[in-house]
Amino acid sequence: MAGEKAHNGWVVWLSLLLALLLSVAPMPKSLELVRPLWPALVLVFWCLQTPHKVGMSTAWLLGIAEDVLYGQLLGQSALCLTVLAFLVLLLHQRLRMFPVWQQALVLLMLLGIMQLLQLWLNALVGNRPPTLLFLLPAAVSVLIWPWVYGVLSAIKRRFAVN
Protein backbone atom coordinates (compact mmCIF):
# COMPACT_ATOMS: atom_id res chain seq x y z
CA MET A 1 0.00 0.00 0.00
CA ALA A 2 1.13 3.53 -0.67
CA GLY A 3 0.45 4.83 2.83
CA GLU A 4 2.24 1.95 4.54
CA LYS A 5 5.78 2.51 5.75
CA ALA A 6 8.34 -0.24 5.71
CA HIS A 7 10.08 -0.78 9.03
CA ASN A 8 13.18 -2.73 8.15
CA GLY A 9 15.52 -1.56 10.87
CA TRP A 10 16.84 -5.09 11.17
CA VAL A 11 18.65 -4.58 7.85
CA VAL A 12 20.69 -1.75 9.39
CA TRP A 13 21.63 -3.82 12.43
CA LEU A 14 22.43 -6.87 10.29
CA SER A 15 24.74 -4.79 8.08
CA LEU A 16 26.48 -3.37 11.17
CA LEU A 17 26.92 -6.89 12.55
CA LEU A 18 28.35 -8.04 9.21
CA ALA A 19 30.75 -5.08 9.29
CA LEU A 20 31.93 -6.16 12.75
CA LEU A 21 32.48 -9.69 11.49
CA LEU A 22 34.42 -8.40 8.48
CA SER A 23 36.61 -6.37 10.81
CA VAL A 24 37.85 -9.54 12.52
CA ALA A 25 37.80 -11.89 9.54
CA PRO A 26 41.12 -13.69 9.05
CA MET A 27 43.54 -12.00 6.66
CA PRO A 28 47.15 -12.65 5.71
CA LYS A 29 49.51 -10.99 8.17
CA SER A 30 50.94 -8.77 5.42
CA LEU A 31 47.49 -7.33 4.63
CA GLU A 32 46.41 -6.86 8.24
CA LEU A 33 47.79 -3.32 8.25
CA VAL A 34 45.51 -2.22 5.38
CA ARG A 35 42.26 -3.75 6.65
CA PRO A 36 39.38 -1.37 5.81
CA LEU A 37 37.46 0.24 8.63
CA TRP A 38 34.29 -1.75 7.91
CA PRO A 39 32.21 -0.68 10.93
CA ALA A 40 33.03 2.98 10.30
CA LEU A 41 32.12 2.73 6.59
CA VAL A 42 28.77 1.06 7.24
CA LEU A 43 28.02 3.50 10.06
CA VAL A 44 28.79 6.47 7.80
CA PHE A 45 26.49 5.11 5.09
CA TRP A 46 23.55 4.64 7.45
CA CYS A 47 24.15 8.02 9.10
CA LEU A 48 23.99 9.62 5.66
CA GLN A 49 20.93 7.73 4.47
CA THR A 50 18.86 7.45 7.65
CA PRO A 51 20.02 10.15 10.07
CA HIS A 52 16.70 9.95 11.91
CA LYS A 53 17.40 6.28 12.83
CA VAL A 54 21.17 5.86 12.95
CA GLY A 55 23.11 8.37 14.97
CA MET A 56 25.47 8.82 17.83
CA SER A 57 23.80 6.27 20.13
CA THR A 58 24.06 3.62 17.41
CA ALA A 59 27.70 4.59 16.91
CA TRP A 60 28.35 4.28 20.63
CA LEU A 61 26.77 0.81 20.80
CA LEU A 62 28.71 -0.28 17.74
CA GLY A 63 31.91 1.05 19.29
CA ILE A 64 31.32 -0.79 22.56
CA ALA A 65 30.75 -4.00 20.59
CA GLU A 66 33.95 -3.33 18.64
CA ASP A 67 35.90 -2.73 21.87
CA VAL A 68 34.67 -6.01 23.32
CA LEU A 69 35.40 -7.83 20.06
CA TYR A 70 38.96 -6.44 19.79
CA GLY A 71 39.66 -6.74 23.51
CA GLN A 72 40.82 -3.16 23.82
CA LEU A 73 40.14 -0.38 26.29
CA LEU A 74 36.37 -0.24 26.80
CA GLY A 75 34.99 2.94 25.25
CA GLN A 76 37.93 3.68 22.96
CA SER A 77 36.25 2.70 19.70
CA ALA A 78 32.94 3.92 21.08
CA LEU A 79 34.34 7.42 21.47
CA CYS A 80 35.95 7.38 18.02
CA LEU A 81 32.83 6.12 16.23
CA THR A 82 30.62 8.55 18.15
CA VAL A 83 32.80 11.48 17.07
CA LEU A 84 32.69 10.17 13.49
CA ALA A 85 28.89 9.87 13.61
CA PHE A 86 28.64 13.39 15.05
CA LEU A 87 30.73 14.83 12.23
CA VAL A 88 28.80 12.91 9.56
CA LEU A 89 25.46 13.99 11.01
CA LEU A 90 26.72 17.55 11.14
CA LEU A 91 27.58 17.42 7.43
CA HIS A 92 25.03 14.90 6.16
CA GLN A 93 22.84 17.32 4.19
CA ARG A 94 25.86 18.62 2.29
CA LEU A 95 27.45 15.19 1.87
CA ARG A 96 24.30 13.71 0.35
CA MET A 97 24.48 16.26 -2.48
CA PHE A 98 28.05 15.31 -3.39
CA PRO A 99 28.88 12.60 -5.91
CA VAL A 100 30.37 9.47 -4.36
CA TRP A 101 33.95 10.38 -5.25
CA GLN A 102 33.64 13.73 -3.47
CA GLN A 103 32.06 11.99 -0.50
CA ALA A 104 35.14 9.78 -0.46
CA LEU A 105 37.41 12.82 -0.20
CA VAL A 106 35.46 14.18 2.76
CA LEU A 107 35.39 10.70 4.24
CA LEU A 108 39.19 10.56 4.02
CA MET A 109 39.37 13.58 6.27
CA LEU A 110 36.75 12.25 8.70
CA LEU A 111 38.30 8.79 8.94
CA GLY A 112 41.71 10.40 9.34
CA ILE A 113 40.37 12.39 12.29
CA MET A 114 38.96 9.18 13.74
CA GLN A 115 42.29 7.38 13.31
CA LEU A 116 44.19 10.27 14.90
CA LEU A 117 41.83 10.18 17.87
CA GLN A 118 42.41 6.42 18.08
CA LEU A 119 46.18 7.04 18.01
CA TRP A 120 45.89 9.62 20.75
CA LEU A 121 43.88 7.25 22.94
CA ASN A 122 46.37 4.45 22.28
CA ALA A 123 49.22 6.77 23.25
CA LEU A 124 47.46 7.59 26.52
CA VAL A 125 47.23 3.88 27.29
CA GLY A 126 50.81 3.22 26.13
CA ASN A 127 50.11 1.27 22.92
CA ARG A 128 51.38 3.78 20.37
CA PRO A 129 52.30 2.39 16.93
CA PRO A 130 55.82 3.42 15.88
CA THR A 131 54.96 4.82 12.44
CA LEU A 132 52.28 6.72 10.58
CA LEU A 133 51.10 3.51 8.91
CA PHE A 134 48.05 3.56 11.19
CA LEU A 135 46.47 5.94 8.62
CA LEU A 136 46.53 3.27 5.87
CA PRO A 137 43.17 1.74 6.85
CA ALA A 138 41.52 5.14 6.36
CA ALA A 139 43.01 5.44 2.87
CA VAL A 140 41.96 1.90 1.92
CA SER A 141 38.48 2.54 3.30
CA VAL A 142 38.13 5.61 1.11
CA LEU A 143 39.20 3.61 -1.95
CA ILE A 144 36.46 1.03 -1.39
CA TRP A 145 33.80 3.60 -0.38
CA PRO A 146 32.16 3.72 -3.85
CA TRP A 147 31.58 -0.05 -3.79
CA VAL A 148 30.36 -0.07 -0.19
CA TYR A 149 28.04 2.82 -1.02
CA GLY A 150 26.70 1.02 -4.10
CA VAL A 151 26.09 -2.30 -2.34
CA LEU A 152 24.43 -0.73 0.70
CA SER A 153 22.31 1.54 -1.53
CA ALA A 154 21.05 -1.51 -3.41
CA ILE A 155 20.26 -3.25 -0.11
CA LYS A 156 18.49 -0.12 1.13
CA ARG A 157 16.33 -0.01 -2.01
CA ARG A 158 15.69 -3.76 -2.03
CA PHE A 159 14.45 -3.86 1.57
CA ALA A 160 12.85 -0.38 1.51
CA VAL A 161 14.77 0.87 4.50
CA ASN A 162 13.69 4.41 5.32
C-alpha atoms as a PDB file:
ATOM      1  CA  MET A   1       0.000   0.000   0.000  1.00  0.00           C
ATOM      2  CA  ALA A   2       1.129   3.528  -0.674  1.00  0.00           C
ATOM      3  CA  GLY A   3       0.454   4.829   2.835  1.00  0.00           C
ATOM      4  CA  GLU A   4       2.237   1.951   4.543  1.00  0.00           C
ATOM      5  CA  LYS A   5       5.780   2.508   5.750  1.00  0.00           C
ATOM      6  CA  ALA A   6       8.344  -0.241   5.706  1.00  0.00           C
ATOM      7  CA  HIS A   7      10.084  -0.781   9.031  1.00  0.00           C
ATOM      8  CA  ASN A   8      13.185  -2.734   8.149  1.00  0.00           C
ATOM      9  CA  GLY A   9      15.523  -1.557  10.869  1.00  0.00           C
ATOM     10  CA  TRP A  10      16.845  -5.086  11.166  1.00  0.00           C
ATOM     11  CA  VAL A  11      18.653  -4.579   7.851  1.00  0.00           C
ATOM     12  CA  VAL A  12      20.688  -1.750   9.392  1.00  0.00           C
ATOM     13  CA  TRP A  13      21.634  -3.816  12.433  1.00  0.00           C
ATOM     14  CA  LEU A  14      22.427  -6.869  10.291  1.00  0.00           C
ATOM     15  CA  SER A  15      24.743  -4.790   8.082  1.00  0.00           C
ATOM     16  CA  LEU A  16      26.481  -3.366  11.167  1.00  0.00           C
ATOM     17  CA  LEU A  17      26.917  -6.887  12.546  1.00  0.00           C
ATOM     18  CA  LEU A  18      28.345  -8.041   9.210  1.00  0.00           C
ATOM     19  CA  ALA A  19      30.751  -5.078   9.291  1.00  0.00           C
ATOM     20  CA  LEU A  20      31.929  -6.159  12.751  1.00  0.00           C
ATOM     21  CA  LEU A  21      32.477  -9.688  11.486  1.00  0.00           C
ATOM     22  CA  LEU A  22      34.421  -8.398   8.479  1.00  0.00           C
ATOM     23  CA  SER A  23      36.609  -6.365  10.806  1.00  0.00           C
ATOM     24  CA  VAL A  24      37.852  -9.541  12.523  1.00  0.00           C
ATOM     25  CA  ALA A  25      37.799 -11.894   9.542  1.00  0.00           C
ATOM     26  CA  PRO A  26      41.116 -13.691   9.051  1.00  0.00           C
ATOM     27  CA  MET A  27      43.536 -12.000   6.657  1.00  0.00           C
ATOM     28  CA  PRO A  28      47.145 -12.652   5.715  1.00  0.00           C
ATOM     29  CA  LYS A  29      49.514 -10.993   8.172  1.00  0.00           C
ATOM     30  CA  SER A  30      50.941  -8.770   5.422  1.00  0.00           C
ATOM     31  CA  LEU A  31      47.489  -7.333   4.634  1.00  0.00           C
ATOM     32  CA  GLU A  32      46.409  -6.862   8.237  1.00  0.00           C
ATOM     33  CA  LEU A  33      47.787  -3.317   8.248  1.00  0.00           C
ATOM     34  CA  VAL A  34      45.506  -2.221   5.380  1.00  0.00           C
ATOM     35  CA  ARG A  35      42.260  -3.748   6.648  1.00  0.00           C
ATOM     36  CA  PRO A  36      39.384  -1.373   5.808  1.00  0.00           C
ATOM     37  CA  LEU A  37      37.455   0.243   8.633  1.00  0.00           C
ATOM     38  CA  TRP A  38      34.288  -1.749   7.911  1.00  0.00           C
ATOM     39  CA  PRO A  39      32.208  -0.675  10.933  1.00  0.00           C
ATOM     40  CA  ALA A  40      33.034   2.979  10.297  1.00  0.00           C
ATOM     41  CA  LEU A  41      32.123   2.733   6.593  1.00  0.00           C
ATOM     42  CA  VAL A  42      28.775   1.059   7.243  1.00  0.00           C
ATOM     43  CA  LEU A  43      28.022   3.503  10.060  1.00  0.00           C
ATOM     44  CA  VAL A  44      28.785   6.475   7.796  1.00  0.00           C
ATOM     45  CA  PHE A  45      26.486   5.107   5.092  1.00  0.00           C
ATOM     46  CA  TRP A  46      23.554   4.642   7.452  1.00  0.00           C
ATOM     47  CA  CYS A  47      24.153   8.018   9.099  1.00  0.00           C
ATOM     48  CA  LEU A  48      23.993   9.622   5.658  1.00  0.00           C
ATOM     49  CA  GLN A  49      20.934   7.730   4.470  1.00  0.00           C
ATOM     50  CA  THR A  50      18.858   7.448   7.646  1.00  0.00           C
ATOM     51  CA  PRO A  51      20.019  10.148  10.067  1.00  0.00           C
ATOM     52  CA  HIS A  52      16.700   9.947  11.908  1.00  0.00           C
ATOM     53  CA  LYS A  53      17.399   6.279  12.835  1.00  0.00           C
ATOM     54  CA  VAL A  54      21.165   5.861  12.955  1.00  0.00           C
ATOM     55  CA  GLY A  55      23.106   8.370  14.970  1.00  0.00           C
ATOM     56  CA  MET A  56      25.469   8.821  17.834  1.00  0.00           C
ATOM     57  CA  SER A  57      23.803   6.274  20.129  1.00  0.00           C
ATOM     58  CA  THR A  58      24.064   3.620  17.412  1.00  0.00           C
ATOM     59  CA  ALA A  59      27.704   4.588  16.910  1.00  0.00           C
ATOM     60  CA  TRP A  60      28.347   4.281  20.631  1.00  0.00           C
ATOM     61  CA  LEU A  61      26.765   0.806  20.802  1.00  0.00           C
ATOM     62  CA  LEU A  62      28.712  -0.279  17.736  1.00  0.00           C
ATOM     63  CA  GLY A  63      31.912   1.052  19.295  1.00  0.00           C
ATOM     64  CA  ILE A  64      31.317  -0.793  22.564  1.00  0.00           C
ATOM     65  CA  ALA A  65      30.745  -3.996  20.588  1.00  0.00           C
ATOM     66  CA  GLU A  66      33.954  -3.328  18.645  1.00  0.00           C
ATOM     67  CA  ASP A  67      35.897  -2.734  21.871  1.00  0.00           C
ATOM     68  CA  VAL A  68      34.672  -6.013  23.320  1.00  0.00           C
ATOM     69  CA  LEU A  69      35.404  -7.830  20.062  1.00  0.00           C
ATOM     70  CA  TYR A  70      38.955  -6.438  19.793  1.00  0.00           C
ATOM     71  CA  GLY A  71      39.660  -6.737  23.515  1.00  0.00           C
ATOM     72  CA  GLN A  72      40.822  -3.157  23.815  1.00  0.00           C
ATOM     73  CA  LEU A  73      40.140  -0.384  26.295  1.00  0.00           C
ATOM     74  CA  LEU A  74      36.367  -0.237  26.799  1.00  0.00           C
ATOM     75  CA  GLY A  75      34.985   2.935  25.251  1.00  0.00           C
ATOM     76  CA  GLN A  76      37.929   3.675  22.962  1.00  0.00           C
ATOM     77  CA  SER A  77      36.252   2.696  19.696  1.00  0.00           C
ATOM     78  CA  ALA A  78      32.936   3.917  21.078  1.00  0.00           C
ATOM     79  CA  LEU A  79      34.340   7.423  21.466  1.00  0.00           C
ATOM     80  CA  CYS A  80      35.954   7.381  18.022  1.00  0.00           C
ATOM     81  CA  LEU A  81      32.832   6.120  16.232  1.00  0.00           C
ATOM     82  CA  THR A  82      30.617   8.553  18.152  1.00  0.00           C
ATOM     83  CA  VAL A  83      32.804  11.478  17.068  1.00  0.00           C
ATOM     84  CA  LEU A  84      32.694  10.167  13.492  1.00  0.00           C
ATOM     85  CA  ALA A  85      28.895   9.868  13.613  1.00  0.00           C
ATOM     86  CA  PHE A  86      28.637  13.387  15.054  1.00  0.00           C
ATOM     87  CA  LEU A  87      30.730  14.832  12.230  1.00  0.00           C
ATOM     88  CA  VAL A  88      28.802  12.912   9.557  1.00  0.00           C
ATOM     89  CA  LEU A  89      25.456  13.987  11.011  1.00  0.00           C
ATOM     90  CA  LEU A  90      26.716  17.550  11.144  1.00  0.00           C
ATOM     91  CA  LEU A  91      27.584  17.425   7.430  1.00  0.00           C
ATOM     92  CA  HIS A  92      25.029  14.904   6.163  1.00  0.00           C
ATOM     93  CA  GLN A  93      22.840  17.321   4.186  1.00  0.00           C
ATOM     94  CA  ARG A  94      25.857  18.622   2.288  1.00  0.00           C
ATOM     95  CA  LEU A  95      27.449  15.191   1.873  1.00  0.00           C
ATOM     96  CA  ARG A  96      24.303  13.709   0.347  1.00  0.00           C
ATOM     97  CA  MET A  97      24.478  16.258  -2.479  1.00  0.00           C
ATOM     98  CA  PHE A  98      28.054  15.315  -3.394  1.00  0.00           C
ATOM     99  CA  PRO A  99      28.881  12.602  -5.907  1.00  0.00           C
ATOM    100  CA  VAL A 100      30.367   9.475  -4.360  1.00  0.00           C
ATOM    101  CA  TRP A 101      33.954  10.384  -5.254  1.00  0.00           C
ATOM    102  CA  GLN A 102      33.636  13.729  -3.474  1.00  0.00           C
ATOM    103  CA  GLN A 103      32.055  11.989  -0.501  1.00  0.00           C
ATOM    104  CA  ALA A 104      35.139   9.776  -0.455  1.00  0.00           C
ATOM    105  CA  LEU A 105      37.414  12.819  -0.205  1.00  0.00           C
ATOM    106  CA  VAL A 106      35.465  14.178   2.764  1.00  0.00           C
ATOM    107  CA  LEU A 107      35.393  10.698   4.240  1.00  0.00           C
ATOM    108  CA  LEU A 108      39.193  10.560   4.021  1.00  0.00           C
ATOM    109  CA  MET A 109      39.370  13.583   6.270  1.00  0.00           C
ATOM    110  CA  LEU A 110      36.752  12.254   8.702  1.00  0.00           C
ATOM    111  CA  LEU A 111      38.299   8.793   8.938  1.00  0.00           C
ATOM    112  CA  GLY A 112      41.710  10.400   9.345  1.00  0.00           C
ATOM    113  CA  ILE A 113      40.369  12.393  12.294  1.00  0.00           C
ATOM    114  CA  MET A 114      38.961   9.181  13.745  1.00  0.00           C
ATOM    115  CA  GLN A 115      42.292   7.379  13.306  1.00  0.00           C
ATOM    116  CA  LEU A 116      44.188  10.273  14.896  1.00  0.00           C
ATOM    117  CA  LEU A 117      41.825  10.179  17.872  1.00  0.00           C
ATOM    118  CA  GLN A 118      42.407   6.425  18.077  1.00  0.00           C
ATOM    119  CA  LEU A 119      46.183   7.038  18.007  1.00  0.00           C
ATOM    120  CA  TRP A 120      45.894   9.625  20.751  1.00  0.00           C
ATOM    121  CA  LEU A 121      43.878   7.248  22.942  1.00  0.00           C
ATOM    122  CA  ASN A 122      46.369   4.446  22.278  1.00  0.00           C
ATOM    123  CA  ALA A 123      49.223   6.771  23.253  1.00  0.00           C
ATOM    124  CA  LEU A 124      47.457   7.589  26.519  1.00  0.00           C
ATOM    125  CA  VAL A 125      47.231   3.877  27.294  1.00  0.00           C
ATOM    126  CA  GLY A 126      50.806   3.218  26.128  1.00  0.00           C
ATOM    127  CA  ASN A 127      50.109   1.274  22.920  1.00  0.00           C
ATOM    128  CA  ARG A 128      51.381   3.782  20.366  1.00  0.00           C
ATOM    129  CA  PRO A 129      52.303   2.390  16.932  1.00  0.00           C
ATOM    130  CA  PRO A 130      55.821   3.418  15.879  1.00  0.00           C
ATOM    131  CA  THR A 131      54.958   4.824  12.436  1.00  0.00           C
ATOM    132  CA  LEU A 132      52.276   6.719  10.576  1.00  0.00           C
ATOM    133  CA  LEU A 133      51.097   3.510   8.908  1.00  0.00           C
ATOM    134  CA  PHE A 134      48.049   3.564  11.189  1.00  0.00           C
ATOM    135  CA  LEU A 135      46.465   5.936   8.617  1.00  0.00           C
ATOM    136  CA  LEU A 136      46.533   3.273   5.867  1.00  0.00           C
ATOM    137  CA  PRO A 137      43.168   1.736   6.845  1.00  0.00           C
ATOM    138  CA  ALA A 138      41.523   5.142   6.359  1.00  0.00           C
ATOM    139  CA  ALA A 139      43.012   5.440   2.868  1.00  0.00           C
ATOM    140  CA  VAL A 140      41.960   1.895   1.924  1.00  0.00           C
ATOM    141  CA  SER A 141      38.475   2.535   3.305  1.00  0.00           C
ATOM    142  CA  VAL A 142      38.132   5.606   1.110  1.00  0.00           C
ATOM    143  CA  LEU A 143      39.204   3.613  -1.953  1.00  0.00           C
ATOM    144  CA  ILE A 144      36.464   1.028  -1.390  1.00  0.00           C
ATOM    145  CA  TRP A 145      33.804   3.603  -0.376  1.00  0.00           C
ATOM    146  CA  PRO A 146      32.164   3.716  -3.854  1.00  0.00           C
ATOM    147  CA  TRP A 147      31.579  -0.051  -3.786  1.00  0.00           C
ATOM    148  CA  VAL A 148      30.364  -0.068  -0.190  1.00  0.00           C
ATOM    149  CA  TYR A 149      28.036   2.817  -1.018  1.00  0.00           C
ATOM    150  CA  GLY A 150      26.705   1.020  -4.102  1.00  0.00           C
ATOM    151  CA  VAL A 151      26.089  -2.298  -2.337  1.00  0.00           C
ATOM    152  CA  LEU A 152      24.432  -0.725   0.697  1.00  0.00           C
ATOM    153  CA  SER A 153      22.307   1.543  -1.529  1.00  0.00           C
ATOM    154  CA  ALA A 154      21.051  -1.511  -3.410  1.00  0.00           C
ATOM    155  CA  ILE A 155      20.259  -3.248  -0.107  1.00  0.00           C
ATOM    156  CA  LYS A 156      18.492  -0.125   1.130  1.00  0.00           C
ATOM    157  CA  ARG A 157      16.325  -0.006  -2.008  1.00  0.00           C
ATOM    158  CA  ARG A 158      15.694  -3.762  -2.030  1.00  0.00           C
ATOM    159  CA  PHE A 159      14.454  -3.861   1.565  1.00  0.00           C
ATOM    160  CA  ALA A 160      12.846  -0.383   1.506  1.00  0.00           C
ATOM    161  CA  VAL A 161      14.771   0.871   4.504  1.00  0.00           C
ATOM    162  CA  ASN A 162      13.687   4.410   5.322  1.00  0.00           C
END
